[in-house]
C-alpha cells in the first residue's frame, strides 16, 4: 500500500508556507472549477425558464422541445427567439433568465452585430467578437476548460507511463533496462510535429487523438528521473529489510520505493502542465490542433495574426494575456514545489 513519508509531509507543509505558490494554486483550482460550469456563465440557453406557471431549469443540460413552450416542433427550442414571441410574452409570469454572458462559444451573432465581424469590444461583447461573430470571452472561457482538461489528462498519462517504465528500468535493470532504453532513443528521434500532422491526416484531428499522440512522447523525460530514483533507492537498507521479511516485488515497488521517489513527480508536474498548455496552444495556432469549432486560444491568436485582422488587436491580446496568466500561475506553483521539495529533513 502507498505510504507517505514524514519527510514528504514536512515538505508539503513547507509548500503551504510559500504564499505566492499557494495563492496561485488556489486561483487555478477556482478558475478550473468555474470553467467546468461554463454553460452557466456563457451560453445562449437560459438557466431558468418560467412558462405557464411551470419552471424549467438549466436548458444547457436538459433538452426542451419547441412544443414545450407552445411551438409546433419536437426539435430543441430556440430560446432567444421564443422569448420575443407574442405567445410567450402575452402570458403574465413568463420569463427567461440567461447566463451573465448570453452567448455560446459557437453562437454566430451576425443578426445582433452592427457591422461585419470581427467587431471591437462593446457593452454586448465586452471582449469583442471573432471573424465569425462569436463572442471572444465565451471562447476564452470554454477554451480554458478544454486546455486545462487536456493538460491534466496528458499529465496523468505521463505520470502513469513514466513511473511504470522508468521505475521498472531502475528496479529490474539488466536486459530490460537496455531494451527499453534503445526503444526510448528511437522514439526520441522521431519528429513530433510530423507525427501529429500524419496522424491528423490519417485518422482525423481530435481531443483523444492528440492526447494519444502526445502521451506517446511526453513520458520520456519523466522516465529518466524515475529510473534514477529507483536505481538509487533500491540499494537502501529498508528495501533490503523488506526483501528479508518476504515482501514481493510489487509490494516493494509500490510501498517501499515509489513513496520515496515521488519528488520528481511533484516537482515537474506544474512544468509538465506548462508544456501541455503551450503545446496545445501552439498546435492550434499552426492549425494542427483541435478541430473547429472547438474553442481554442491558439485559434484566436491565429485569427488575430492574419493580415486582414492585424488591426483587430483584441483577437490577439485577449488570448495572449489569458495564456500568459495561466502559465505564470503554473510557474509560481512549480517554483514553490521546487523549493519545498529541496527540504532534506
Protein backbone atom coordinates (compact mmCIF):
# COMPACT_ATOMS: atom_id res chain seq x y z
CA UNK A 1 0.00 0.00 0.00
CA UNK A 2 1.23 3.51 -0.87
CA UNK A 3 2.61 5.31 2.20
CA UNK A 4 3.50 8.98 2.57
CA UNK A 5 6.73 9.56 4.46
CA UNK A 6 7.15 12.07 7.28
CA UNK A 7 9.69 13.98 5.16
CA UNK A 8 7.11 14.39 2.37
CA UNK A 9 4.53 15.66 4.86
CA UNK A 10 7.06 18.23 6.11
CA UNK A 11 7.82 19.24 2.53
CA UNK A 12 4.15 19.87 1.82
CA UNK A 13 3.94 21.97 4.99
CA UNK A 14 6.86 24.00 3.66
CA UNK A 15 4.96 24.46 0.41
CA UNK A 16 1.93 25.82 2.25
CA UNK A 17 4.19 28.50 3.75
CA UNK A 18 5.07 29.84 0.29
CA UNK A 19 2.16 32.25 -0.15
CA UNK A 20 2.68 33.08 -3.82
CA UNK A 21 2.62 29.42 -4.80
CA UNK A 22 -0.40 28.59 -2.64
CA UNK A 23 -2.38 31.60 -3.90
CA UNK A 24 -1.54 30.68 -7.49
CA UNK A 25 -2.65 27.09 -6.90
CA UNK A 26 -5.93 28.23 -5.31
CA UNK A 27 -6.61 30.64 -8.20
CA UNK A 28 -6.01 27.87 -10.76
CA UNK A 29 -8.25 25.43 -8.90
CA UNK A 30 -11.03 28.02 -8.54
CA UNK A 31 -10.82 29.08 -12.20
CA UNK A 32 -10.83 25.50 -13.44
CA UNK A 33 -13.77 24.62 -11.18
CA UNK A 34 -15.68 27.63 -12.50
CA UNK A 35 -14.84 26.65 -16.09
CA UNK A 36 -16.41 23.23 -15.53
CA UNK A 37 -19.71 25.08 -15.26
CA UNK A 38 -19.08 27.38 -18.22
CA UNK A 39 -22.57 26.64 -19.57
CA UNK A 40 -23.99 28.59 -16.61
CA UNK A 41 -21.74 31.59 -17.26
CA UNK A 42 -21.66 31.96 -21.04
CA UNK A 43 -24.47 30.38 -23.04
CA UNK A 44 -27.40 31.25 -25.26
CA UNK A 45 -29.58 28.81 -23.32
CA UNK A 46 -31.34 30.08 -20.17
CA UNK A 47 -30.60 28.80 -16.69
CA UNK A 48 -34.23 29.33 -15.69
CA UNK A 49 -37.48 29.43 -17.65
CA UNK A 50 -40.89 30.23 -16.26
CA UNK A 51 -43.67 29.23 -18.66
CA UNK A 52 -47.35 28.84 -17.87
CA UNK A 53 -46.61 28.70 -14.16
CA UNK A 54 -44.05 25.92 -14.53
CA UNK A 55 -40.31 26.25 -14.02
CA UNK A 56 -37.64 24.72 -16.25
CA UNK A 57 -34.01 24.66 -15.13
CA UNK A 58 -30.64 24.56 -16.88
CA UNK A 59 -31.54 24.30 -20.56
CA UNK A 60 -27.84 23.76 -21.31
CA UNK A 61 -28.00 20.39 -19.56
CA UNK A 62 -31.59 19.43 -20.39
CA UNK A 63 -33.43 19.05 -23.68
CA UNK A 64 -36.61 21.08 -24.02
CA UNK A 65 -38.52 20.80 -27.28
CA UNK A 66 -40.13 23.73 -29.08
CA UNK A 67 -43.53 22.20 -28.27
CA UNK A 68 -42.84 22.61 -24.55
CA UNK A 69 -43.20 26.37 -24.97
CA UNK A 70 -46.15 26.41 -27.34
CA UNK A 71 -44.30 25.70 -30.57
CA UNK A 72 -45.01 23.14 -33.30
CA UNK A 73 -41.83 21.09 -33.45
CA UNK A 74 -40.08 18.37 -31.47
CA UNK A 75 -36.70 19.91 -32.16
CA UNK A 76 -34.84 21.81 -29.45
CA UNK A 77 -36.32 25.17 -28.60
CA UNK A 78 -34.68 28.35 -29.82
CA UNK A 79 -34.90 30.18 -26.56
CA UNK A 80 -33.94 33.70 -27.59
CA UNK A 81 -36.47 33.64 -30.42
CA UNK A 82 -39.19 32.18 -28.20
CA UNK A 83 -38.58 34.86 -25.54
CA UNK A 84 -39.53 37.50 -28.12
CA UNK A 85 -42.65 35.78 -29.50
CA UNK A 86 -46.14 37.01 -28.75
CA UNK A 87 -47.28 33.63 -27.41
CA UNK A 88 -44.56 33.81 -24.76
CA UNK A 89 -44.90 37.49 -23.86
CA UNK A 90 -48.69 37.63 -23.66
CA UNK A 91 -48.81 35.31 -20.63
CA UNK A 92 -48.03 37.16 -17.44
CA UNK A 93 -45.30 35.48 -15.40
CA UNK A 94 -43.41 34.04 -18.36
CA UNK A 95 -39.72 34.89 -18.34
CA UNK A 96 -36.27 33.52 -19.12
CA UNK A 97 -33.08 34.10 -17.13
CA UNK A 98 -29.98 33.84 -19.29
CA UNK A 99 -26.37 33.48 -18.05
CA UNK A 100 -24.32 36.67 -17.46
CA UNK A 101 -22.86 36.27 -20.96
CA UNK A 102 -25.80 35.16 -23.13
CA UNK A 103 -23.64 33.68 -25.88
CA UNK A 104 -22.37 30.21 -26.62
CA UNK A 105 -18.74 29.99 -27.85
CA UNK A 106 -20.05 28.74 -31.20
CA UNK A 107 -23.04 31.09 -31.48
CA UNK A 108 -22.92 33.18 -34.67
CA UNK A 109 -24.26 36.58 -33.69
CA UNK A 110 -24.41 38.29 -37.10
CA UNK A 111 -28.01 39.43 -36.62
CA UNK A 112 -27.07 41.28 -33.39
CA UNK A 113 -23.90 42.94 -34.68
CA UNK A 114 -23.82 46.48 -36.04
CA UNK A 115 -21.16 45.67 -38.63
CA UNK A 116 -19.34 42.79 -40.23
CA UNK A 117 -17.29 40.75 -37.73
CA UNK A 118 -14.85 40.78 -36.13
CA UNK A 119 -16.25 43.59 -34.01
CA UNK A 120 -14.41 45.50 -31.30
CA UNK A 121 -15.33 45.25 -27.60
CA UNK A 122 -18.60 46.92 -26.61
CA UNK A 123 -21.33 46.59 -23.98
CA UNK A 124 -22.76 43.48 -25.62
CA UNK A 125 -19.49 41.68 -26.29
CA UNK A 126 -17.04 43.20 -23.81
CA UNK A 127 -14.07 41.37 -25.37
CA UNK A 128 -15.38 41.72 -28.91
CA UNK A 129 -16.20 39.02 -31.45
CA UNK A 130 -14.05 36.92 -33.76
CA UNK A 131 -14.14 36.78 -37.54
CA UNK A 132 -17.32 34.66 -37.47
CA UNK A 133 -19.19 36.81 -34.97
CA UNK A 134 -18.61 34.52 -31.97
CA UNK A 135 -18.15 36.05 -28.53
CA UNK A 136 -14.43 36.16 -27.64
CA UNK A 137 -14.97 35.92 -23.86
CA UNK A 138 -17.10 32.79 -24.27
CA UNK A 139 -14.42 31.18 -26.42
CA UNK A 140 -11.70 32.11 -23.91
CA UNK A 141 -13.71 30.66 -21.03
CA UNK A 142 -14.54 27.39 -22.75
CA UNK A 143 -11.02 27.32 -24.17
CA UNK A 144 -9.62 27.43 -20.63
CA UNK A 145 -11.66 24.36 -19.72
CA UNK A 146 -10.56 22.49 -22.83
CA UNK A 147 -6.90 23.48 -22.40
CA UNK A 148 -6.63 22.62 -18.69
CA UNK A 149 -8.55 19.35 -19.10
CA UNK A 150 -6.22 18.43 -21.95
CA UNK A 151 -3.15 19.27 -19.84
CA UNK A 152 -4.39 17.36 -16.77
CA UNK A 153 -5.29 14.22 -18.75
CA UNK A 154 -1.93 14.34 -20.50
CA UNK A 155 -0.14 14.80 -17.16
CA UNK A 156 -1.96 11.80 -15.66
CA UNK A 157 -0.94 9.59 -18.60
CA UNK A 158 2.61 10.92 -18.45
CA UNK A 159 2.87 10.04 -14.76
CA UNK A 160 1.39 6.56 -15.19
CA UNK A 161 3.58 5.61 -18.16
CA UNK A 162 6.70 7.37 -16.88
CA UNK A 163 6.50 5.83 -13.41
CA UNK A 164 5.85 2.31 -14.68
CA UNK A 165 8.50 2.28 -17.41
CA UNK A 166 11.14 4.37 -15.62
CA UNK A 167 10.52 2.57 -12.33
CA UNK A 168 10.82 -0.86 -13.91
CA UNK A 169 14.00 0.19 -15.70
CA UNK A 170 15.58 1.25 -12.43
CA UNK A 171 14.23 -1.65 -10.38
CA UNK A 172 14.86 -4.51 -12.79
CA UNK A 173 17.86 -3.16 -14.72
CA UNK A 174 19.80 -5.53 -16.96
CA UNK A 175 18.42 -6.58 -20.35
CA UNK A 176 15.04 -4.98 -19.66
CA UNK A 177 16.65 -1.60 -19.00
CA UNK A 178 18.88 -1.79 -22.09
CA UNK A 179 16.00 -2.84 -24.36
CA UNK A 180 13.67 -0.09 -23.17
CA UNK A 181 16.47 2.47 -23.38
CA UNK A 182 17.08 1.65 -27.05
CA UNK A 183 13.34 1.97 -27.70
CA UNK A 184 13.30 5.36 -25.94
CA UNK A 185 16.20 6.59 -28.05
CA UNK A 186 14.37 5.61 -31.24
CA UNK A 187 11.17 7.26 -30.04
CA UNK A 188 13.01 10.44 -29.07
CA UNK A 189 14.45 10.71 -32.58
CA UNK A 190 11.04 10.79 -34.25
CA UNK A 191 9.89 14.25 -35.48
CA UNK A 192 6.98 15.04 -33.18
CA UNK A 193 5.26 17.63 -35.37
CA UNK A 194 5.37 15.39 -38.44
CA UNK A 195 3.79 12.57 -36.41
CA UNK A 196 0.96 14.89 -35.34
CA UNK A 197 0.36 16.01 -38.94
CA UNK A 198 0.48 12.44 -40.26
CA UNK A 199 -1.89 11.04 -37.65
CA UNK A 200 -4.22 14.01 -38.14
CA UNK A 201 -4.45 13.32 -41.87
CA UNK A 202 -4.88 9.56 -41.44
CA UNK A 203 -7.49 9.36 -38.67
CA UNK A 204 -8.54 12.98 -38.23
CA UNK A 205 -7.81 15.57 -35.55
CA UNK A 206 -9.49 15.42 -32.19
CA UNK A 207 -9.05 15.66 -28.42
CA UNK A 208 -8.45 11.92 -27.93
CA UNK A 209 -6.15 11.69 -30.96
CA UNK A 210 -3.91 14.50 -29.68
CA UNK A 211 -3.86 13.01 -26.19
CA UNK A 212 -2.74 9.64 -27.53
CA UNK A 213 -0.06 11.09 -29.82
CA UNK A 214 1.36 13.41 -27.16
CA UNK A 215 1.27 10.76 -24.43
CA UNK A 216 3.46 8.55 -26.62
CA UNK A 217 6.26 11.13 -26.31
CA UNK A 218 5.64 13.06 -23.07
CA UNK A 219 6.57 10.35 -20.58
CA UNK A 220 10.16 10.01 -21.80
CA UNK A 221 11.64 12.87 -19.77
CA UNK A 222 9.94 11.77 -16.55
CA UNK A 223 11.06 8.16 -17.01
CA UNK A 224 14.72 9.24 -16.83
CA UNK A 225 14.19 10.79 -13.38
CA UNK A 226 12.14 7.84 -12.14
CA UNK A 227 14.78 5.41 -13.36
CA UNK A 228 17.49 7.33 -11.47
CA UNK A 229 15.39 7.48 -8.30
CA UNK A 230 14.58 3.76 -8.37
CA UNK A 231 18.24 2.89 -9.04
CA UNK A 232 19.26 4.95 -6.01
CA UNK A 233 16.53 3.84 -3.60
CA UNK A 234 16.55 0.10 -4.38
CA UNK A 235 20.01 -0.10 -2.76
CA UNK A 236 18.71 1.34 0.52
CA UNK A 237 18.68 -0.68 3.72
CA UNK A 238 14.92 -0.51 4.17
CA UNK A 239 14.45 -2.15 0.75
CA UNK A 240 16.82 -4.96 1.78
CA UNK A 241 14.89 -5.31 5.03
CA UNK A 242 11.60 -5.60 3.13
CA UNK A 243 13.07 -8.34 0.93
CA UNK A 244 14.33 -10.17 4.02
CA UNK A 245 10.83 -10.05 5.53
CA UNK A 246 9.47 -11.72 2.41
CA UNK A 247 7.82 -8.78 0.65
CA UNK A 248 7.17 -9.37 -3.06
CA UNK A 249 8.48 -7.21 -5.88
CA UNK A 250 5.13 -5.47 -6.42
CA UNK A 251 4.84 -4.54 -2.74
CA UNK A 252 8.44 -3.30 -2.61
CA UNK A 253 7.87 -1.29 -5.82
CA UNK A 254 4.64 0.32 -4.63
CA UNK A 255 5.10 0.58 -0.84
CA UNK A 256 8.81 0.99 -0.27
CA UNK A 257 10.42 2.64 -3.30
CA UNK A 258 7.68 4.66 -5.04
CA UNK A 259 6.68 6.76 -1.96
CA UNK A 260 10.32 7.81 -1.65
CA UNK A 261 10.69 8.52 -5.37
CA UNK A 262 7.77 10.89 -5.94
CA UNK A 263 9.80 14.10 -5.58
CA UNK A 264 10.38 14.28 -9.38
CA UNK A 265 6.65 13.69 -9.96
CA UNK A 266 5.57 16.55 -7.74
CA UNK A 267 8.35 18.90 -8.81
CA UNK A 268 7.87 18.50 -12.53
CA UNK A 269 4.05 18.26 -12.61
CA UNK A 270 3.46 22.06 -12.95
CA UNK A 271 6.11 22.31 -15.66
CA UNK A 272 4.54 19.38 -17.50
CA UNK A 273 1.24 21.28 -17.38
CA UNK A 274 3.00 24.34 -18.75
CA UNK A 275 4.38 22.25 -21.58
CA UNK A 276 0.99 20.72 -22.36
CA UNK A 277 -0.81 24.10 -22.36
CA UNK A 278 1.89 25.65 -24.56
CA UNK A 279 1.94 22.68 -26.94
CA UNK A 280 -1.83 22.67 -27.43
CA UNK A 281 -1.92 26.44 -27.99
CA UNK A 282 0.96 26.20 -30.48
CA UNK A 283 -0.65 23.32 -32.39
CA UNK A 284 -3.97 25.18 -32.53
CA UNK A 285 -2.17 28.30 -33.75
CA UNK A 286 -0.50 26.28 -36.53
CA UNK A 287 -3.79 24.61 -37.45
CA UNK A 288 -2.77 21.09 -36.37
CA UNK A 289 -4.54 21.07 -33.01
CA UNK A 290 -8.17 20.59 -32.07
CA UNK A 291 -10.70 20.66 -34.92
CA UNK A 292 -13.10 23.54 -35.49
CA UNK A 293 -15.28 24.79 -33.90
CA UNK A 294 -13.61 23.76 -30.62
CA UNK A 295 -12.90 26.90 -28.53
CA UNK A 296 -9.16 27.48 -28.60
CA UNK A 297 -6.73 30.19 -27.55
CA UNK A 298 -4.34 29.30 -30.35
CA UNK A 299 -7.07 29.54 -32.96
CA UNK A 300 -8.00 33.04 -31.75
CA UNK A 301 -4.36 34.13 -31.95
CA UNK A 302 -4.16 32.70 -35.47
CA UNK A 303 -7.14 34.85 -36.47
CA UNK A 304 -5.50 37.95 -34.98
CA UNK A 305 -2.23 37.44 -36.88
CA UNK A 306 -3.86 37.24 -40.30
CA UNK A 307 -3.05 40.21 -42.50
CA UNK A 308 -6.71 41.20 -42.76
CA UNK A 309 -7.11 41.23 -38.96
CA UNK A 310 -3.87 42.82 -37.76
CA UNK A 311 -5.76 45.92 -36.62
CA UNK A 312 -8.18 43.80 -34.57
CA UNK A 313 -5.90 43.67 -31.54
CA UNK A 314 -8.49 42.09 -29.22
CA UNK A 315 -8.22 38.84 -31.16
CA UNK A 316 -4.54 38.55 -30.26
CA UNK A 317 -4.25 40.40 -26.95
CA UNK A 318 -7.08 38.60 -25.10
CA UNK A 319 -5.83 35.00 -25.64
CA UNK A 320 -2.20 36.07 -25.16
CA UNK A 321 -2.96 37.63 -21.77
CA UNK A 322 -5.04 34.61 -20.76
CA UNK A 323 -2.26 32.24 -21.80
CA UNK A 324 0.39 34.36 -20.06
CA UNK A 325 -1.52 34.49 -16.76
CA UNK A 326 -2.21 30.74 -16.83
CA UNK A 327 1.44 29.89 -17.49
CA UNK A 328 2.60 32.40 -14.88
CA UNK A 329 0.38 30.88 -12.19
CA UNK A 330 1.61 27.39 -13.07
CA UNK A 331 5.20 28.61 -12.92
CA UNK A 332 4.64 30.08 -9.44
CA UNK A 333 3.23 26.75 -8.26
CA UNK A 334 6.18 24.91 -9.79
CA UNK A 335 8.67 27.27 -8.16
CA UNK A 336 7.02 26.75 -4.77
CA UNK A 337 7.05 22.96 -5.12
CA UNK A 338 10.71 23.00 -6.19
CA UNK A 339 11.67 24.99 -3.10
CA UNK A 340 9.58 22.77 -0.81
CA UNK A 341 10.96 19.55 -2.30
CA UNK A 342 14.51 20.77 -1.66
CA UNK A 343 13.96 20.02 2.04
CA UNK A 344 16.27 17.24 3.18
CA UNK A 345 14.99 16.55 6.71
